[in-house]
C-alpha atoms as a PDB file:
ATOM      1  CA  MET A   1      23.885 -11.051   6.093  1.00  0.00           C
ATOM      2  CA  ASN A   2      26.747 -10.392   8.743  1.00  0.00           C
ATOM      3  CA  ALA A   3      25.805 -10.832  12.645  1.00  0.00           C
ATOM      4  CA  LYS A   4      25.753  -7.318  13.241  1.00  0.00           C
ATOM      5  CA  LYS A   5      23.133  -6.314  10.773  1.00  0.00           C
ATOM      6  CA  GLU A   6      20.880  -9.496  11.731  1.00  0.00           C
ATOM      7  CA  SER A   7      21.738  -8.173  15.527  1.00  0.00           C
ATOM      8  CA  ARG A   8      20.616  -4.559  14.783  1.00  0.00           C
ATOM      9  CA  LEU A   9      17.307  -5.510  12.611  1.00  0.00           C
ATOM     10  CA  ARG A  10      16.296  -7.922  15.817  1.00  0.00           C
ATOM     11  CA  ARG A  11      16.581  -5.390  18.204  1.00  0.00           C
ATOM     12  CA  ALA A  12      14.521  -3.053  15.858  1.00  0.00           C
ATOM     13  CA  ARG A  13      11.616  -5.509  15.205  1.00  0.00           C
ATOM     14  CA  ARG A  14      10.239  -4.760  18.460  1.00  0.00           C
ATOM     15  CA  THR A  15      10.150  -0.713  18.281  1.00  0.00           C
ATOM     16  CA  ARG A  16       8.869  -1.061  14.306  1.00  0.00           C
ATOM     17  CA  ALA A  17       5.703  -3.004  16.013  1.00  0.00           C
ATOM     18  CA  LYS A  18       4.642  -1.274  18.477  1.00  0.00           C
ATOM     19  CA  ILE A  19       4.978   2.051  16.305  1.00  0.00           C
ATOM     20  CA  ARG A  20       2.901   0.278  13.512  1.00  0.00           C
ATOM     21  CA  GLU A  21       0.589  -0.359  16.616  1.00  0.00           C
ATOM     22  CA  LEU A  22       0.194   2.945  17.842  1.00  0.00           C
ATOM     23  CA  GLY A  23      -0.578   4.043  14.238  1.00  0.00           C
ATOM     24  CA  ILE A  24       1.733   7.212  14.160  1.00  0.00           C
ATOM     25  CA  ASP A  25       4.324   8.266  10.983  1.00  0.00           C
ATOM     26  CA  ARG A  26       7.899   7.565  12.029  1.00  0.00           C
ATOM     27  CA  LEU A  27      11.356   8.819  11.509  1.00  0.00           C
ATOM     28  CA  CYS A  28      13.610   6.235  10.272  1.00  0.00           C
ATOM     29  CA  VAL A  29      17.098   6.649  10.559  1.00  0.00           C
ATOM     30  CA  ASN A  30      20.079   4.752   8.593  1.00  0.00           C
ATOM     31  CA  ARG A  31      23.571   5.596   9.136  1.00  0.00           C
ATOM     32  CA  THR A  32      26.791   4.057   7.325  1.00  0.00           C
ATOM     33  CA  PRO A  33      30.122   5.199   7.975  1.00  0.00           C
ATOM     34  CA  ARG A  34      30.180   7.859   5.214  1.00  0.00           C
ATOM     35  CA  HIS A  35      26.543   8.905   5.207  1.00  0.00           C
ATOM     36  CA  MET A  36      23.325   9.427   7.178  1.00  0.00           C
ATOM     37  CA  TYR A  37      19.764   8.900   5.781  1.00  0.00           C
ATOM     38  CA  ALA A  38      16.696   9.888   7.542  1.00  0.00           C
ATOM     39  CA  GLN A  39      13.121   9.325   6.458  1.00  0.00           C
ATOM     40  CA  ILE A  40       9.510   9.797   7.603  1.00  0.00           C
ATOM     41  CA  ILE A  41       7.520   7.049   6.927  1.00  0.00           C
ATOM     42  CA  SER A  42       3.397   6.655   7.078  1.00  0.00           C
ATOM     43  CA  ALA A  43       1.577   4.712   9.469  1.00  0.00           C
ATOM     44  CA  ASP A  44       0.858   1.837   7.592  1.00  0.00           C
ATOM     45  CA  GLY A  45       4.653   1.808   6.236  1.00  0.00           C
ATOM     46  CA  GLY A  46       3.675   2.251   2.385  1.00  0.00           C
ATOM     47  CA  LYS A  47       4.892   5.605   1.924  1.00  0.00           C
ATOM     48  CA  VAL A  48       7.867   8.230   2.025  1.00  0.00           C
ATOM     49  CA  LEU A  49       6.579  11.493   3.349  1.00  0.00           C
ATOM     50  CA  ALA A  50       9.701  13.403   3.613  1.00  0.00           C
ATOM     51  CA  SER A  51      13.048  12.337   3.345  1.00  0.00           C
ATOM     52  CA  ALA A  52      16.869  14.199   3.815  1.00  0.00           C
ATOM     53  CA  SER A  53      20.110  12.688   3.614  1.00  0.00           C
ATOM     54  CA  THR A  54      23.920  13.838   3.172  1.00  0.00           C
ATOM     55  CA  LEU A  55      23.855  12.922  -0.149  1.00  0.00           C
ATOM     56  CA  ASP A  56      20.948  15.699  -0.972  1.00  0.00           C
ATOM     57  CA  SER A  57      22.595  18.414  -3.149  1.00  0.00           C
ATOM     58  CA  SER A  58      22.250  21.178  -0.409  1.00  0.00           C
ATOM     59  CA  LEU A  59      24.339  19.035   2.174  1.00  0.00           C
ATOM     60  CA  ARG A  60      27.031  17.576  -0.635  1.00  0.00           C
ATOM     61  CA  ASP A  61      29.475  20.464   0.124  1.00  0.00           C
ATOM     62  CA  GLY A  62      31.103  19.127   3.514  1.00  0.00           C
ATOM     63  CA  ALA A  63      32.214  16.029   5.586  1.00  0.00           C
ATOM     64  CA  SER A  64      29.410  13.768   5.590  1.00  0.00           C
ATOM     65  CA  GLY A  65      30.065  11.082   8.023  1.00  0.00           C
ATOM     66  CA  ASN A  66      30.054  13.241  11.082  1.00  0.00           C
ATOM     67  CA  ILE A  67      27.818  15.155  13.699  1.00  0.00           C
ATOM     68  CA  GLU A  68      27.498  18.449  12.042  1.00  0.00           C
ATOM     69  CA  ALA A  69      26.140  16.609   9.019  1.00  0.00           C
ATOM     70  CA  ALA A  70      24.387  14.476  10.619  1.00  0.00           C
ATOM     71  CA  ALA A  71      22.458  17.660  12.835  1.00  0.00           C
ATOM     72  CA  LYS A  72      22.037  19.315   8.958  1.00  0.00           C
ATOM     73  CA  VAL A  73      20.274  16.432   7.856  1.00  0.00           C
ATOM     74  CA  GLY A  74      17.757  16.432  10.880  1.00  0.00           C
ATOM     75  CA  THR A  75      17.390  19.961  10.246  1.00  0.00           C
ATOM     76  CA  LEU A  76      16.495  19.848   6.825  1.00  0.00           C
ATOM     77  CA  LEU A  77      13.957  16.673   7.486  1.00  0.00           C
ATOM     78  CA  ALA A  78      12.274  18.931   9.841  1.00  0.00           C
ATOM     79  CA  GLU A  79      11.810  21.864   7.413  1.00  0.00           C
ATOM     80  CA  ARG A  80      10.616  19.140   4.891  1.00  0.00           C
ATOM     81  CA  ALA A  81       8.079  17.732   7.543  1.00  0.00           C
ATOM     82  CA  LYS A  82       6.755  20.786   8.288  1.00  0.00           C
ATOM     83  CA  GLU A  83       6.178  21.170   4.619  1.00  0.00           C
ATOM     84  CA  ALA A  84       3.953  17.972   4.258  1.00  0.00           C
ATOM     85  CA  GLY A  85       2.345  19.278   7.232  1.00  0.00           C
ATOM     86  CA  ILE A  86       3.704  16.396   9.435  1.00  0.00           C
ATOM     87  CA  THR A  87       4.417  17.431  13.070  1.00  0.00           C
ATOM     88  CA  ASP A  88       4.199  14.160  15.553  1.00  0.00           C
ATOM     89  CA  VAL A  89       6.493  11.445  14.840  1.00  0.00           C
ATOM     90  CA  ALA A  90       7.973   8.016  16.646  1.00  0.00           C
ATOM     91  CA  PHE A  91      11.591   7.858  16.533  1.00  0.00           C
ATOM     92  CA  ASP A  92      12.756   4.606  14.856  1.00  0.00           C
ATOM     93  CA  ARG A  93      16.468   4.408  15.339  1.00  0.00           C
ATOM     94  CA  SER A  94      16.617   1.166  13.332  1.00  0.00           C
ATOM     95  CA  GLY A  95      18.891  -0.408  16.155  1.00  0.00           C
ATOM     96  CA  PHE A  96      21.508   2.085  16.384  1.00  0.00           C
ATOM     97  CA  ARG A  97      22.283   3.030  19.972  1.00  0.00           C
ATOM     98  CA  PHE A  98      20.954   6.601  21.260  1.00  0.00           C
ATOM     99  CA  HIS A  99      24.432   8.589  21.049  1.00  0.00           C
ATOM    100  CA  GLY A 100      26.950  10.505  18.344  1.00  0.00           C
ATOM    101  CA  ARG A 101      24.886  11.393  15.020  1.00  0.00           C
ATOM    102  CA  VAL A 102      21.979   9.507  15.544  1.00  0.00           C
ATOM    103  CA  LYS A 103      21.416  11.546  18.852  1.00  0.00           C
ATOM    104  CA  ALA A 104      22.305  14.766  16.686  1.00  0.00           C
ATOM    105  CA  LEU A 105      20.348  13.963  13.905  1.00  0.00           C
ATOM    106  CA  ALA A 106      17.215  13.335  16.617  1.00  0.00           C
ATOM    107  CA  ASP A 107      18.130  16.671  18.696  1.00  0.00           C
ATOM    108  CA  ALA A 108      18.217  18.631  15.208  1.00  0.00           C
ATOM    109  CA  ALA A 109      14.569  17.344  14.324  1.00  0.00           C
ATOM    110  CA  ARG A 110      13.191  18.528  17.547  1.00  0.00           C
ATOM    111  CA  GLU A 111      14.488  21.666  17.667  1.00  0.00           C
ATOM    112  CA  GLY A 112      12.977  22.548  14.001  1.00  0.00           C
ATOM    113  CA  GLY A 113       9.668  21.451  15.361  1.00  0.00           C
ATOM    114  CA  LEU A 114       8.973  17.812  14.843  1.00  0.00           C
ATOM    115  CA  GLN A 115       7.649  15.806  18.426  1.00  0.00           C
ATOM    116  CA  PHE A 116       8.596  12.512  19.503  1.00  0.00           C
END
């Protein structure tokens, strides 16, 4: 594994331990240069409760690696979380900095009804 990815995962380890201690579902984000992925994982970490990404058929028609696409993923994830009965989550940015696409996804999920 390269040093950049190791550093990112190391930064995320303490946050994930704290979220596990609180016992709350977590909204986990992953970004690549081309796509955005987000999923809500149960408090014990054993089950994915809702997920959305730029690879979903409803979001594939436009550009997938920009802020607008990330906002669409956040909105779609909030809708799917409502259907599953989830309102409160902890935001796990997976070591990525909270700006750009990660921030756009979080803001759209908040507007869609998720509480962080």
